[in-house]
Amino acid sequence: MAFFEARKNYIPKFIRVNYYNGIMPILKNLIYYAARRAMNDAKLRQKATETFEKEIKPRAEAAWSEAKPRMENARDDIRKIAKKSKPTENPGNFAGQVTRRIFDEFTKNKKKD
């Protein structure tokens, strides 16, 4: 009786699927196959190039031009905080001031929206 009770949660080996030995190689092979097919298809490459040039690149450039001044402002603020708090002597104070600055920036942007 104990033998059957111990084996009631047993899953036969041919049913068990290991994450790395079962599903992942199948997905990896499908992705590689799709990538190889796409690489060899001239029409698809042309469409991808057009999409990148017309849609993705302008959006990325617009996002960068919008984010760059904010990043420069954050860099300058962190440099000022570093000069005031001396992070090598008191890293906790520096981290607290930087965190407060980030939190203030976040809440200020939240109020604008």
N, C-alpha and C. Protein backbone atom coordinates (compact mmCIF):
# COMPACT_ATOMS: atom_id res chain seq x y z
N MET A 1 0.82 -1.19 0.00
CA MET A 1 0.00 0.00 0.00
C MET A 1 0.87 1.27 0.00
N ALA A 2 1.93 1.28 0.76
CA ALA A 2 2.80 2.46 0.87
C ALA A 2 3.45 2.76 -0.48
N PHE A 3 3.77 1.72 -1.25
CA PHE A 3 4.40 1.91 -2.54
C PHE A 3 3.50 2.72 -3.49
N PHE A 4 2.20 2.40 -3.51
CA PHE A 4 1.28 3.11 -4.39
C PHE A 4 1.02 4.53 -3.92
N GLU A 5 0.97 4.74 -2.60
CA GLU A 5 0.75 6.08 -2.07
C GLU A 5 1.94 6.98 -2.39
N ALA A 6 3.13 6.45 -2.33
CA ALA A 6 4.32 7.25 -2.61
C ALA A 6 4.39 7.61 -4.09
N ARG A 7 3.84 6.78 -4.94
CA ARG A 7 3.95 7.01 -6.39
C ARG A 7 2.72 7.68 -6.99
N LYS A 8 1.76 8.15 -6.19
CA LYS A 8 0.57 8.73 -6.80
C LYS A 8 0.86 10.09 -7.44
N ASN A 9 1.90 10.81 -7.01
CA ASN A 9 2.27 12.07 -7.63
C ASN A 9 3.36 11.90 -8.69
N TYR A 10 3.68 10.66 -9.01
CA TYR A 10 4.72 10.36 -9.97
C TYR A 10 4.24 10.64 -11.39
N ILE A 11 5.06 11.33 -12.16
CA ILE A 11 4.75 11.59 -13.57
C ILE A 11 5.73 10.78 -14.40
N PRO A 12 5.25 9.94 -15.32
CA PRO A 12 6.16 9.13 -16.14
C PRO A 12 7.16 9.99 -16.89
N LYS A 13 8.33 9.45 -17.12
CA LYS A 13 9.43 10.19 -17.74
C LYS A 13 9.08 10.70 -19.14
N PHE A 14 8.32 9.91 -19.91
CA PHE A 14 8.01 10.34 -21.27
C PHE A 14 6.99 11.48 -21.30
N ILE A 15 6.30 11.75 -20.18
CA ILE A 15 5.35 12.86 -20.12
C ILE A 15 6.03 14.13 -19.60
N ARG A 16 7.02 13.98 -18.72
CA ARG A 16 7.69 15.14 -18.16
C ARG A 16 8.39 15.94 -19.24
N VAL A 17 8.25 17.26 -19.19
CA VAL A 17 8.94 18.14 -20.14
C VAL A 17 9.81 19.07 -19.33
N ASN A 18 11.08 18.92 -19.49
CA ASN A 18 12.02 19.80 -18.84
C ASN A 18 12.05 21.11 -19.61
N TYR A 19 12.18 22.22 -18.91
CA TYR A 19 12.16 23.54 -19.53
C TYR A 19 13.25 23.67 -20.58
N TYR A 20 14.46 23.20 -20.28
CA TYR A 20 15.57 23.36 -21.20
C TYR A 20 15.64 22.25 -22.24
N ASN A 21 15.16 21.07 -21.91
CA ASN A 21 15.27 19.95 -22.84
C ASN A 21 14.03 19.78 -23.71
N GLY A 22 12.92 20.45 -23.39
CA GLY A 22 11.70 20.22 -24.12
C GLY A 22 11.22 21.43 -24.90
N ILE A 23 10.83 22.47 -24.20
CA ILE A 23 10.18 23.60 -24.84
C ILE A 23 11.19 24.57 -25.45
N MET A 24 12.25 24.87 -24.75
CA MET A 24 13.18 25.89 -25.21
C MET A 24 13.83 25.55 -26.56
N PRO A 25 14.31 24.34 -26.78
CA PRO A 25 14.89 24.06 -28.11
C PRO A 25 13.88 24.20 -29.24
N ILE A 26 12.64 23.85 -28.98
CA ILE A 26 11.61 23.98 -30.01
C ILE A 26 11.41 25.45 -30.35
N LEU A 27 11.27 26.30 -29.32
CA LEU A 27 11.09 27.74 -29.56
C LEU A 27 12.32 28.33 -30.22
N LYS A 28 13.50 27.94 -29.76
CA LYS A 28 14.73 28.46 -30.34
C LYS A 28 14.82 28.10 -31.82
N ASN A 29 14.50 26.86 -32.15
CA ASN A 29 14.54 26.43 -33.55
C ASN A 29 13.52 27.18 -34.40
N LEU A 30 12.33 27.41 -33.86
CA LEU A 30 11.31 28.16 -34.61
C LEU A 30 11.75 29.60 -34.86
N ILE A 31 12.35 30.23 -33.85
CA ILE A 31 12.81 31.61 -34.01
C ILE A 31 13.95 31.68 -35.02
N TYR A 32 14.90 30.74 -34.94
CA TYR A 32 16.00 30.73 -35.90
C TYR A 32 15.48 30.49 -37.33
N TYR A 33 14.53 29.59 -37.46
CA TYR A 33 13.95 29.30 -38.77
C TYR A 33 13.28 30.55 -39.33
N ALA A 34 12.48 31.23 -38.51
CA ALA A 34 11.80 32.45 -38.96
C ALA A 34 12.82 33.53 -39.32
N ALA A 35 13.87 33.66 -38.54
CA ALA A 35 14.90 34.67 -38.82
C ALA A 35 15.62 34.37 -40.14
N ARG A 36 15.94 33.10 -40.36
CA ARG A 36 16.60 32.73 -41.61
C ARG A 36 15.70 33.00 -42.82
N ARG A 37 14.41 32.68 -42.67
CA ARG A 37 13.47 32.93 -43.77
C ARG A 37 13.36 34.43 -44.04
N ALA A 38 13.28 35.21 -43.00
CA ALA A 38 13.17 36.67 -43.15
C ALA A 38 14.43 37.25 -43.75
N MET A 39 15.58 36.73 -43.37
CA MET A 39 16.85 37.23 -43.87
C MET A 39 16.98 36.99 -45.38
N ASN A 40 16.45 35.90 -45.86
CA ASN A 40 16.58 35.56 -47.27
C ASN A 40 15.46 36.13 -48.15
N ASP A 41 14.46 36.76 -47.54
CA ASP A 41 13.34 37.30 -48.30
C ASP A 41 13.60 38.78 -48.60
N ALA A 42 13.87 39.11 -49.86
CA ALA A 42 14.21 40.49 -50.25
C ALA A 42 13.03 41.44 -50.03
N LYS A 43 11.83 40.98 -50.31
CA LYS A 43 10.65 41.82 -50.14
C LYS A 43 10.45 42.21 -48.67
N LEU A 44 10.63 41.25 -47.79
CA LEU A 44 10.50 41.49 -46.36
C LEU A 44 11.59 42.44 -45.85
N ARG A 45 12.81 42.25 -46.34
CA ARG A 45 13.90 43.16 -45.94
C ARG A 45 13.62 44.58 -46.39
N GLN A 46 13.10 44.74 -47.60
CA GLN A 46 12.77 46.07 -48.11
C GLN A 46 11.68 46.72 -47.26
N LYS A 47 10.65 45.95 -46.92
CA LYS A 47 9.56 46.47 -46.10
C LYS A 47 10.07 46.86 -44.71
N ALA A 48 10.96 46.03 -44.15
CA ALA A 48 11.52 46.34 -42.83
C ALA A 48 12.35 47.62 -42.89
N THR A 49 13.12 47.80 -43.94
CA THR A 49 13.93 49.01 -44.10
C THR A 49 13.04 50.24 -44.23
N GLU A 50 11.99 50.14 -45.03
CA GLU A 50 11.06 51.26 -45.19
C GLU A 50 10.39 51.60 -43.87
N THR A 51 9.95 50.59 -43.15
CA THR A 51 9.28 50.81 -41.87
C THR A 51 10.23 51.49 -40.89
N PHE A 52 11.47 51.02 -40.86
CA PHE A 52 12.45 51.62 -39.96
C PHE A 52 12.68 53.08 -40.31
N GLU A 53 12.90 53.37 -41.59
CA GLU A 53 13.21 54.74 -42.01
C GLU A 53 12.03 55.69 -41.84
N LYS A 54 10.81 55.21 -42.11
CA LYS A 54 9.64 56.09 -42.09
C LYS A 54 8.97 56.20 -40.73
N GLU A 55 9.01 55.14 -39.92
CA GLU A 55 8.25 55.15 -38.67
C GLU A 55 9.12 55.10 -37.42
N ILE A 56 10.03 54.16 -37.37
CA ILE A 56 10.78 53.95 -36.14
C ILE A 56 11.84 55.02 -35.91
N LYS A 57 12.63 55.33 -36.93
CA LYS A 57 13.72 56.30 -36.79
C LYS A 57 13.21 57.69 -36.40
N PRO A 58 12.15 58.23 -37.07
CA PRO A 58 11.67 59.54 -36.65
C PRO A 58 11.15 59.57 -35.21
N ARG A 59 10.48 58.52 -34.80
CA ARG A 59 9.99 58.46 -33.42
C ARG A 59 11.15 58.44 -32.43
N ALA A 60 12.17 57.65 -32.75
CA ALA A 60 13.32 57.56 -31.85
C ALA A 60 14.05 58.90 -31.77
N GLU A 61 14.20 59.58 -32.90
CA GLU A 61 14.87 60.88 -32.89
C GLU A 61 14.05 61.91 -32.11
N ALA A 62 12.73 61.87 -32.26
CA ALA A 62 11.87 62.79 -31.51
C ALA A 62 11.95 62.51 -30.01
N ALA A 63 11.94 61.24 -29.64
CA ALA A 63 12.03 60.88 -28.23
C ALA A 63 13.38 61.31 -27.66
N TRP A 64 14.45 61.13 -28.43
CA TRP A 64 15.78 61.52 -27.96
C TRP A 64 15.87 63.04 -27.80
N SER A 65 15.34 63.79 -28.77
CA SER A 65 15.42 65.25 -28.66
C SER A 65 14.59 65.76 -27.49
N GLU A 66 13.55 65.03 -27.11
CA GLU A 66 12.75 65.41 -25.94
C GLU A 66 13.42 65.01 -24.64
N ALA A 67 14.11 63.88 -24.63
CA ALA A 67 14.71 63.37 -23.40
C ALA A 67 16.08 63.97 -23.11
N LYS A 68 16.80 64.40 -24.14
CA LYS A 68 18.17 64.88 -23.95
C LYS A 68 18.27 66.06 -22.98
N PRO A 69 17.43 67.11 -23.09
CA PRO A 69 17.55 68.20 -22.11
C PRO A 69 17.26 67.76 -20.68
N ARG A 70 16.31 66.86 -20.51
CA ARG A 70 16.00 66.35 -19.17
C ARG A 70 17.17 65.56 -18.61
N MET A 71 17.84 64.78 -19.46
CA MET A 71 19.00 64.01 -19.00
C MET A 71 20.15 64.94 -18.62
N GLU A 72 20.37 65.98 -19.42
CA GLU A 72 21.43 66.93 -19.10
C GLU A 72 21.12 67.67 -17.80
N ASN A 73 19.86 68.03 -17.60
CA ASN A 73 19.44 68.69 -16.37
C ASN A 73 19.67 67.77 -15.17
N ALA A 74 19.30 66.50 -15.31
CA ALA A 74 19.51 65.54 -14.23
C ALA A 74 20.99 65.36 -13.94
N ARG A 75 21.81 65.28 -14.98
CA ARG A 75 23.26 65.15 -14.79
C ARG A 75 23.82 66.34 -14.03
N ASP A 76 23.40 67.54 -14.41
CA ASP A 76 23.88 68.75 -13.72
C ASP A 76 23.44 68.76 -12.27
N ASP A 77 22.17 68.38 -12.02
CA ASP A 77 21.67 68.34 -10.64
C ASP A 77 22.44 67.34 -9.79
N ILE A 78 22.73 66.18 -10.35
CA ILE A 78 23.46 65.15 -9.59
C ILE A 78 24.90 65.61 -9.32
N ARG A 79 25.50 66.32 -10.28
CA ARG A 79 26.84 66.87 -10.04
C ARG A 79 26.82 67.90 -8.90
N LYS A 80 25.79 68.76 -8.88
CA LYS A 80 25.66 69.75 -7.80
C LYS A 80 25.48 69.07 -6.45
N ILE A 81 24.64 68.03 -6.44
CA ILE A 81 24.42 67.28 -5.19
C ILE A 81 25.71 66.62 -4.74
N ALA A 82 26.49 66.10 -5.69
CA ALA A 82 27.76 65.44 -5.34
C ALA A 82 28.74 66.45 -4.76
N LYS A 83 28.77 67.65 -5.30
CA LYS A 83 29.67 68.68 -4.75
C LYS A 83 29.27 69.05 -3.33
N LYS A 84 27.95 69.14 -3.08
CA LYS A 84 27.48 69.53 -1.74
C LYS A 84 27.68 68.42 -0.71
N SER A 85 27.31 67.20 -1.06
CA SER A 85 27.22 66.14 -0.05
C SER A 85 28.46 65.26 0.06
N LYS A 86 29.41 65.37 -0.85
CA LYS A 86 30.64 64.57 -0.83
C LYS A 86 30.33 63.07 -0.67
N PRO A 87 29.97 62.40 -1.77
CA PRO A 87 29.52 61.00 -1.69
C PRO A 87 30.57 60.03 -1.16
N THR A 88 31.85 60.35 -1.28
CA THR A 88 32.87 59.42 -0.75
C THR A 88 32.88 59.44 0.77
N GLU A 89 32.54 60.58 1.37
CA GLU A 89 32.54 60.67 2.83
C GLU A 89 31.21 60.25 3.44
N ASN A 90 30.10 60.61 2.76
CA ASN A 90 28.79 60.30 3.29
C ASN A 90 27.88 59.80 2.16
N PRO A 91 28.02 58.53 1.77
CA PRO A 91 27.24 58.03 0.64
C PRO A 91 25.74 57.96 0.92
N GLY A 92 25.36 57.78 2.17
CA GLY A 92 23.93 57.71 2.50
C GLY A 92 23.23 59.03 2.25
N ASN A 93 23.89 60.12 2.64
CA ASN A 93 23.33 61.45 2.41
C ASN A 93 23.21 61.72 0.91
N PHE A 94 24.24 61.37 0.17
CA PHE A 94 24.22 61.56 -1.29
C PHE A 94 23.08 60.77 -1.92
N ALA A 95 22.96 59.51 -1.54
CA ALA A 95 21.89 58.66 -2.10
C ALA A 95 20.52 59.21 -1.74
N GLY A 96 20.37 59.70 -0.52
CA GLY A 96 19.10 60.27 -0.11
C GLY A 96 18.73 61.51 -0.90
N GLN A 97 19.71 62.38 -1.13
CA GLN A 97 19.44 63.61 -1.89
C GLN A 97 19.12 63.30 -3.35
N VAL A 98 19.84 62.35 -3.93
CA VAL A 98 19.57 61.97 -5.33
C VAL A 98 18.17 61.35 -5.43
N THR A 99 17.83 60.50 -4.47
CA THR A 99 16.51 59.87 -4.47
C THR A 99 15.42 60.93 -4.34
N ARG A 100 15.64 61.88 -3.45
CA ARG A 100 14.66 62.96 -3.27
C ARG A 100 14.51 63.77 -4.55
N ARG A 101 15.61 64.04 -5.23
CA ARG A 101 15.57 64.79 -6.49
C ARG A 101 14.78 64.03 -7.55
N ILE A 102 15.02 62.71 -7.65
CA ILE A 102 14.30 61.89 -8.63
C ILE A 102 12.81 61.84 -8.29
N PHE A 103 12.50 61.69 -7.00
CA PHE A 103 11.11 61.64 -6.58
C PHE A 103 10.41 62.97 -6.87
N ASP A 104 11.07 64.08 -6.59
CA ASP A 104 10.49 65.39 -6.88
C ASP A 104 10.24 65.57 -8.37
N GLU A 105 11.19 65.14 -9.19
CA GLU A 105 11.03 65.23 -10.65
C GLU A 105 9.84 64.39 -11.11
N PHE A 106 9.72 63.20 -10.53
CA PHE A 106 8.62 62.31 -10.89
C PHE A 106 7.27 62.90 -10.52
N THR A 107 7.17 63.42 -9.29
CA THR A 107 5.88 63.98 -8.85
C THR A 107 5.56 65.26 -9.62
N LYS A 108 6.57 66.05 -9.99
CA LYS A 108 6.34 67.26 -10.77
C LYS A 108 5.76 66.90 -12.15
N ASN A 109 6.31 65.86 -12.78
CA ASN A 109 5.80 65.42 -14.08
C ASN A 109 4.43 64.79 -13.96
N LYS A 110 4.14 64.14 -12.84
CA LYS A 110 2.84 63.53 -12.62
C LYS A 110 1.75 64.62 -12.54
N LYS A 111 2.10 65.75 -11.89
CA LYS A 111 1.12 66.83 -11.75
C LYS A 111 0.83 67.51 -13.07
N LYS A 112 1.84 67.55 -13.98
CA LYS A 112 1.64 68.17 -15.30
C LYS A 112 0.63 67.39 -16.12
N ASP A 113 0.67 66.06 -16.00
CA ASP A 113 -0.21 65.20 -16.80
C ASP A 113 -1.59 65.26 -16.24
